[in-house]
Protein backbone atom coordinates (compact mmCIF):
# COMPACT_ATOMS: atom_id res chain seq x y z
CA MET A 1 241.84 27.64 24.81
CA LYS A 2 245.42 27.60 23.09
CA ILE A 3 248.16 25.44 24.35
CA GLN A 4 251.93 26.54 23.98
CA VAL A 5 254.31 23.62 23.69
CA ARG A 6 257.99 24.12 24.65
CA TYR A 7 260.80 21.71 24.45
CA GLN A 8 264.44 21.51 25.40
CA TRP A 9 267.38 19.49 23.96
CA GLN A 10 269.37 17.86 26.58
CA LEU A 11 272.13 16.73 24.24
CA PRO A 12 274.59 18.82 25.82
CA VAL A 13 273.89 17.86 29.46
CA LEU A 14 273.86 14.01 28.22
CA MET A 15 277.36 14.66 26.43
CA ALA A 16 278.94 16.13 29.45
CA LYS A 17 277.54 13.72 32.05
CA ALA A 18 279.24 11.04 29.38
CA GLY A 19 282.27 12.76 29.26
CA TYR A 20 282.02 14.09 25.66
CA ARG A 21 284.17 17.21 25.84
CA LYS A 22 283.81 18.13 22.01
CA THR A 23 280.98 17.91 19.83
CA THR A 24 283.35 16.11 17.38
CA ASP A 25 283.65 13.39 19.82
CA LEU A 26 279.87 12.23 18.52
CA ILE A 27 281.08 11.67 15.07
CA GLU A 28 282.66 8.17 15.36
CA PRO A 29 279.93 6.85 17.81
CA LEU A 30 277.53 8.09 15.17
CA ALA A 31 279.33 6.55 12.32
CA ASP A 32 279.16 3.07 13.98
CA ARG A 33 275.45 3.34 13.96
CA GLY A 34 275.61 4.11 10.38
CA ILE A 35 274.94 8.07 10.65
CA VAL A 36 277.39 10.25 9.00
CA LEU A 37 277.60 13.44 9.69
CA SER A 38 280.18 16.24 9.13
CA ARG A 39 281.64 18.47 12.00
CA THR A 40 279.30 21.40 11.35
CA GLN A 41 276.57 19.17 11.25
CA VAL A 42 277.43 17.36 14.61
CA TYR A 43 277.91 20.95 15.95
CA ARG A 44 274.65 22.52 14.90
CA LEU A 45 272.99 18.98 16.23
CA THR A 46 274.30 20.25 19.90
CA ARG A 47 272.37 23.33 19.62
CA ASP A 48 268.56 23.29 19.52
CA PRO A 49 267.58 21.51 16.30
CA GLU A 50 264.29 22.13 14.42
CA ARG A 51 264.12 18.91 12.64
CA ILE A 52 266.00 15.63 13.39
CA SER A 53 265.51 12.62 11.66
CA LEU A 54 264.11 9.35 13.43
CA GLN A 55 267.33 7.23 12.82
CA LEU A 56 269.39 10.24 14.23
CA LEU A 57 267.14 10.32 17.41
CA ALA A 58 267.33 6.32 18.00
CA ALA A 59 271.05 6.73 17.33
CA LEU A 60 271.62 9.32 19.92
CA CYS A 61 269.24 7.49 22.67
CA ASP A 62 271.58 4.34 21.96
CA ILE A 63 274.94 6.13 22.47
CA PHE A 64 273.93 7.61 25.61
CA ASP A 65 271.63 4.88 26.83
CA VAL A 66 268.44 6.97 27.50
CA GLY A 67 264.80 7.47 26.26
CA VAL A 68 263.53 10.01 23.91
CA ASP A 69 262.03 11.54 27.28
CA GLU A 70 265.38 12.19 28.62
CA LEU A 71 266.95 13.42 25.32
CA ILE A 72 264.14 15.93 24.91
CA THR A 73 261.84 17.32 27.79
CA VAL A 74 258.57 18.69 26.79
CA GLU A 75 256.72 21.15 28.55
CA SER A 76 252.85 22.14 27.72
CA GLN A 77 251.15 25.38 29.13
CA ARG A 78 247.45 26.21 28.50
CA LEU A 79 247.27 30.00 27.51
CA ARG A 80 244.19 31.90 28.71
CA ALA A 81 242.08 33.68 25.84
CA VAL A 82 242.23 37.07 26.24
CA ARG A 83 238.64 38.89 26.12
CA LYS A 84 238.09 41.86 24.10
CA ARG A 85 236.22 44.57 25.99
CA ARG A 86 233.83 46.75 24.72
CA VAL A 87 233.79 50.52 25.70
CA ASN A 88 230.13 50.65 25.73
CA GLU A 89 227.79 47.51 25.76
CA GLU A 90 225.90 48.52 22.46
CA SER A 91 226.58 45.81 20.03
CA PRO A 92 228.21 47.10 16.62
CA PRO A 93 225.62 47.71 13.94
CA LEU A 94 224.81 45.00 11.57
CA LEU A 95 226.16 45.12 7.96
CA GLU A 96 222.99 44.61 6.70
CA SER A 97 222.09 48.26 7.91
CA TYR A 98 224.50 49.84 5.65
CA ARG A 99 222.68 49.84 2.27
CA PRO A 100 224.06 51.38 -0.89
CA VAL A 101 222.16 54.34 -2.41
CA ARG A 102 220.59 53.68 -5.63
CA ALA A 103 222.09 55.64 -8.29
CA ARG A 104 219.74 57.72 -10.71
CA ILE A 105 220.69 58.39 -14.24
CA VAL A 106 219.40 61.62 -15.49
CA ALA A 107 220.10 63.60 -19.14
CA ASP A 108 222.45 66.26 -18.95
CA PRO A 109 220.48 69.54 -19.68
CA ASP A 110 223.50 70.75 -21.54
CA ASP A 111 223.28 68.26 -24.17
CA ALA A 112 220.05 69.27 -25.74
């Protein structure tokens, strides 16, 4: 059984609650914690990032005084396995039942 994992990045919500109106407002608090990012990097950070360093994650948790679970909410869902149905109940023939035909080499009567 497969499990599908989804996450939701809560940084824009936390920024709004803390009174940060622009993404560039994060540049200074991050720099105070030793993380220097450009304006575009901070902007990309507010969208759903695929990868993030643990130092940056810890700094964001410190800035907003939250835990990782409040910054990233995770949902997992079990997916049902799809069974393949056969049209008829007969099992497919085994591969061993298909045998190659042995080739016979015969002399060409025109070469004589």
